[in-house]
Each structure stands twice: as structure tokens, then as C-alpha cells.
Protein backbone atom coordinates (compact mmCIF):
# COMPACT_ATOMS: atom_id res chain seq x y z
CA UNK A 1 -137.27 -63.08 66.07
CA UNK A 2 -139.56 -66.05 65.74
CA UNK A 3 -138.13 -69.43 64.95
CA UNK A 4 -140.72 -71.98 63.91
CA UNK A 5 -141.29 -74.73 66.37
CA UNK A 6 -139.23 -73.17 69.18
CA UNK A 7 -142.16 -71.29 70.78
CA UNK A 8 -144.89 -73.62 69.98
CA UNK A 9 -146.38 -75.48 72.70
CA UNK A 10 -145.44 -79.05 72.97
CA UNK A 11 -148.12 -81.50 72.27
CA UNK A 12 -149.43 -83.39 75.27
CA UNK A 13 -148.36 -86.95 75.20
CA UNK A 14 -150.62 -89.52 76.72
CA UNK A 15 -148.64 -91.64 79.21
CA UNK A 16 -149.00 -95.35 78.63
CA UNK A 17 -150.86 -97.08 81.45
CA UNK A 18 -148.75 -100.12 81.83
CA UNK A 19 -150.98 -101.91 84.32
CA UNK A 20 -153.97 -101.43 82.07
CA UNK A 21 -152.03 -102.66 79.17
CA UNK A 22 -150.85 -105.72 81.04
CA UNK A 23 -154.36 -106.42 82.28
CA UNK A 24 -155.92 -106.15 78.80
CA UNK A 25 -153.23 -108.62 77.42
CA UNK A 26 -153.98 -111.07 80.27
CA UNK A 27 -157.68 -110.88 79.69
CA UNK A 28 -157.28 -111.45 75.94
CA UNK A 29 -154.92 -114.40 76.65
CA UNK A 30 -157.46 -115.93 79.00
CA UNK A 31 -160.27 -115.71 76.53
CA UNK A 32 -158.05 -117.22 73.66
CA UNK A 33 -156.18 -119.81 75.70
CA UNK A 34 -159.49 -121.01 77.25
CA UNK A 35 -161.38 -121.25 73.83
CA UNK A 36 -158.62 -122.15 71.31
CA UNK A 37 -155.90 -123.67 73.49
CA UNK A 38 -152.20 -122.84 73.61
CA UNK A 39 -151.30 -124.20 70.06
CA UNK A 40 -154.04 -122.31 68.31
CA UNK A 41 -153.42 -118.92 70.06
CA UNK A 42 -150.80 -116.72 68.58
CA UNK A 43 -149.18 -113.66 70.15
CA UNK A 44 -150.69 -111.49 67.37
CA UNK A 45 -154.17 -112.82 68.20
CA UNK A 46 -153.77 -111.91 71.76
CA UNK A 47 -152.48 -108.44 70.98
CA UNK A 48 -155.29 -107.77 68.50
CA UNK A 49 -157.89 -108.90 71.00
CA UNK A 50 -156.32 -106.66 73.66
CA UNK A 51 -156.02 -103.71 71.31
CA UNK A 52 -152.28 -103.39 71.67
CA UNK A 53 -149.17 -103.78 69.53
CA UNK A 54 -147.91 -107.34 69.57
CA UNK A 55 -144.38 -106.24 70.71
CA UNK A 56 -145.96 -105.25 74.07
CA UNK A 57 -146.78 -108.89 74.62
CA UNK A 58 -143.03 -109.70 74.39
CA UNK A 59 -142.14 -106.60 76.60
CA UNK A 60 -144.49 -107.67 79.38
CA UNK A 61 -144.29 -111.42 79.35
CA UNK A 62 -141.22 -112.42 77.14
CA UNK A 63 -142.91 -115.18 75.01
CA UNK A 64 -146.11 -116.99 74.49
CA UNK A 65 -145.19 -119.49 77.13
CA UNK A 66 -144.38 -116.64 79.58
CA UNK A 67 -147.88 -115.20 78.75
CA UNK A 68 -149.53 -118.64 79.49
CA UNK A 69 -147.76 -118.96 82.80
CA UNK A 70 -148.80 -115.35 83.74
CA UNK A 71 -152.31 -116.19 82.90
CA UNK A 72 -152.30 -119.30 85.04
CA UNK A 73 -150.76 -117.34 87.76
CA UNK A 74 -153.65 -114.76 87.62
CA UNK A 75 -156.43 -117.39 87.44
CA UNK A 76 -155.31 -120.25 89.71
CA UNK A 77 -155.21 -119.56 93.45
CA UNK A 78 -157.28 -121.40 96.14
CA UNK A 79 -155.76 -119.46 99.03
CA UNK A 80 -158.70 -116.88 99.21
CA UNK A 81 -161.09 -119.86 99.72
CA UNK A 82 -159.00 -121.09 102.68
CA UNK A 83 -159.55 -118.03 104.67
CA UNK A 84 -163.18 -118.68 105.30
CA UNK A 85 -164.77 -120.91 107.98
CA UNK A 86 -163.90 -124.54 107.69
CA UNK A 87 -167.35 -125.68 108.29
CA UNK A 88 -168.63 -123.61 105.38
CA UNK A 89 -165.91 -124.71 102.90
CA UNK A 90 -168.13 -126.85 100.78
CA UNK A 91 -170.79 -124.33 100.41
CA UNK A 92 -168.33 -121.42 99.79
CA UNK A 93 -166.40 -123.38 97.22
CA UNK A 94 -169.42 -124.50 95.23
CA UNK A 95 -171.05 -120.98 95.46
CA UNK A 96 -167.67 -119.79 93.77
CA UNK A 97 -168.24 -122.20 90.87
CA UNK A 98 -171.86 -121.03 90.42
CA UNK A 99 -171.28 -117.37 91.04
CA UNK A 100 -168.21 -116.82 88.82
CA UNK A 101 -169.04 -115.87 85.31
CA UNK A 102 -166.37 -118.09 83.76
CA UNK A 103 -165.67 -120.67 86.58
CA UNK A 104 -164.52 -123.25 83.94
CA UNK A 105 -162.18 -120.90 82.19
CA UNK A 106 -159.04 -122.01 83.89
CA UNK A 107 -159.77 -125.68 83.41
CA UNK A 108 -160.63 -125.24 79.81
CA UNK A 109 -157.45 -123.36 79.32
CA UNK A 110 -155.48 -126.20 80.88
CA UNK A 111 -157.32 -128.94 79.04
CA UNK A 112 -157.13 -127.21 75.64
CA UNK A 113 -153.36 -126.73 76.05
CA UNK A 114 -152.46 -130.15 77.31
CA UNK A 115 -151.12 -131.25 73.89
CA UNK A 116 -148.25 -128.70 74.15
CA UNK A 117 -145.57 -130.05 76.42
CA UNK A 118 -144.58 -126.67 77.87
CA UNK A 119 -148.11 -125.54 78.42
CA UNK A 120 -149.01 -129.08 79.95
CA UNK A 121 -146.10 -128.81 82.34
CA UNK A 122 -147.04 -125.19 83.36
CA UNK A 123 -150.60 -126.43 83.90
CA UNK A 124 -149.57 -129.32 86.08
CA UNK A 125 -147.11 -127.18 88.03
CA UNK A 126 -149.53 -124.43 88.83
CA UNK A 127 -152.42 -126.97 89.68
CA UNK A 128 -149.88 -128.60 92.18
CA UNK A 129 -148.50 -125.25 93.72
CA UNK A 130 -151.54 -123.18 93.58
CA UNK A 131 -154.24 -125.71 94.46
CA UNK A 132 -153.14 -129.10 95.75
CA UNK A 133 -150.29 -128.19 97.97
CA UNK A 134 -152.05 -125.31 99.77
CA UNK A 135 -155.27 -127.24 100.17
CA UNK A 136 -153.45 -130.22 101.43
CA UNK A 137 -151.63 -128.02 104.00
CA UNK A 138 -155.00 -126.57 105.01
CA UNK A 139 -156.76 -129.93 105.27
CA UNK A 140 -153.95 -131.49 107.31
CA UNK A 141 -153.87 -135.08 108.49
CA UNK A 142 -155.05 -137.64 107.79
CA UNK A 143 -153.81 -137.66 104.18
CA UNK A 144 -154.26 -133.97 103.32
CA UNK A 145 -152.62 -134.50 99.91
CA UNK A 146 -154.96 -137.32 99.00
CA UNK A 147 -158.00 -135.50 100.15
CA UNK A 148 -156.90 -132.36 98.03
CA UNK A 149 -156.49 -134.51 95.11
CA UNK A 150 -159.95 -136.23 95.54
CA UNK A 151 -161.53 -132.59 95.80
CA UNK A 152 -159.64 -131.53 92.56
CA UNK A 153 -160.99 -134.70 90.90
CA UNK A 154 -164.47 -133.97 92.09
CA UNK A 155 -164.49 -130.27 91.06
CA UNK A 156 -162.82 -130.78 87.66
CA UNK A 157 -165.24 -133.58 86.85
CA UNK A 158 -168.10 -131.41 87.80
CA UNK A 159 -166.95 -128.51 85.85
CA UNK A 160 -166.23 -130.56 82.86
CA UNK A 161 -169.68 -132.21 82.81
CA UNK A 162 -171.44 -128.88 83.53
CA UNK A 163 -169.68 -126.32 81.26
CA UNK A 164 -167.04 -127.87 79.03
CA UNK A 165 -168.83 -131.12 77.87
CA UNK A 166 -172.39 -130.42 79.20
CA UNK A 167 -174.51 -133.52 79.88
CA UNK A 168 -178.18 -133.32 80.00
CA UNK A 169 -178.65 -134.51 83.66
CA UNK A 170 -176.96 -131.35 84.75
CA UNK A 171 -179.39 -129.04 83.00
CA UNK A 172 -182.38 -127.20 84.45
CA UNK A 173 -184.01 -128.19 87.72
CA UNK A 174 -181.60 -131.16 88.32
CA UNK A 175 -178.77 -128.71 88.75
CA UNK A 176 -180.06 -127.66 92.24
CA UNK A 177 -179.86 -131.20 93.35
CA UNK A 178 -176.39 -131.62 91.92
CA UNK A 179 -175.28 -128.38 93.60
CA UNK A 180 -176.50 -129.88 97.09
CA UNK A 181 -174.73 -132.99 96.33
CA UNK A 182 -171.53 -131.19 95.52
CA UNK A 183 -171.61 -129.18 98.52
CA UNK A 184 -172.13 -132.09 100.86
CA UNK A 185 -169.44 -134.24 99.04
CA UNK A 186 -166.88 -131.50 99.11
CA UNK A 187 -167.57 -130.78 102.92
CA UNK A 188 -167.50 -134.45 103.70
CA UNK A 189 -164.04 -134.79 102.25
CA UNK A 190 -162.93 -131.59 104.18
CA UNK A 191 -164.46 -133.21 107.45
CA UNK A 192 -162.67 -136.61 107.00
CA UNK A 193 -159.97 -135.26 109.24
CA UNK A 194 -162.25 -133.97 111.90
CA UNK A 195 -162.65 -136.21 115.07
């Protein structure tokens, strides 16, 4: 006796790739937060760009603020740069700016989101814990924290003037001279503690 459905093979279901979904959401969030800011980016916008259902954003990140924080967590981390040779830090750091497709993305994301108190607080927190504090510890005395702050000011100013609010003197052939200056200035701040 044949009962419909009982002997039919089960349809293969495609398992959800959680890591791929999470990565797609983070990539979409990075794109939107760094071009629109926090206030002008909705969870549905992120989900649409990621090609997922908006409920998955909540499942993985809890809220838009949680997604913003997770995106910052993914983007901001100076520790890999601190593993190189100290005498090459300036050259290596500046090379990262020039060689990274979207070097100004995290800065744009933080600047465009500064009007929202929660996003602003998260940006300041991650900048302190993921850049200033580890860099200050690596720089050491004298005044590691002050030197870390000066480096951050230098790099943020450069990236803003080069990518976010581009100024003419940083275009074309002059950029090579600016790059050499940035390497030398970065390295000089690093070397302030050397005897």
C-alpha cells in the first residue's frame, strides 16, 4: 500500500551558513554606516544590502546599536601593526593607509555617526580601547598616551584631508611628498621615546 508523502524522498534543505550571513551583514553595515552615518541607516537598509531578512540582523546583533558596535569591533584594531619592527612602524602604518581600499571607512563611519549619542560613545570607546591604549602601551615612556593621541590626530587629519574632505594639495604628484612626510612624522613620534 502506498501512502502519499510517506515514501517520497525528503527535499534537501540548504543549511544556513551563519558565518557567511554575519559577514554579509557586517559588510553591508560598514558600507552604509560609512556613507550615510548611524542615524540615516536603518536595519532594513542593512538587511537589504546584505541580501538577508531583517530579522537576522536582530538575531545576530540584537539592535542597530549592537550592529554598529560589532562593525567598529571588526574594523578598529591597531594591534596587528604593533607586531612589526619598531623602526619600520611609520612606513608600515602609512603603507596600510595607502594599500587598504577603504582606509578611511572606519573614520568616516565614526564622523558621520557622531550626532547620535550612543554611536558617538561607542566610537570614542573603541578608539580609546582599540587604538590609543594599545598604542600607548606599545610606545611606552615618555608619555606614551600623549604620543598615541598625537599619532591619532596626525592620521585622522591626513585621512580626512585625503579621502573625506579632499584638498587639492593632496592630489596627484604632491601625494608622494605628503606620504614621505607622513612616514617621517609618524616615525619621529614613535622614536621620541628612544634614547
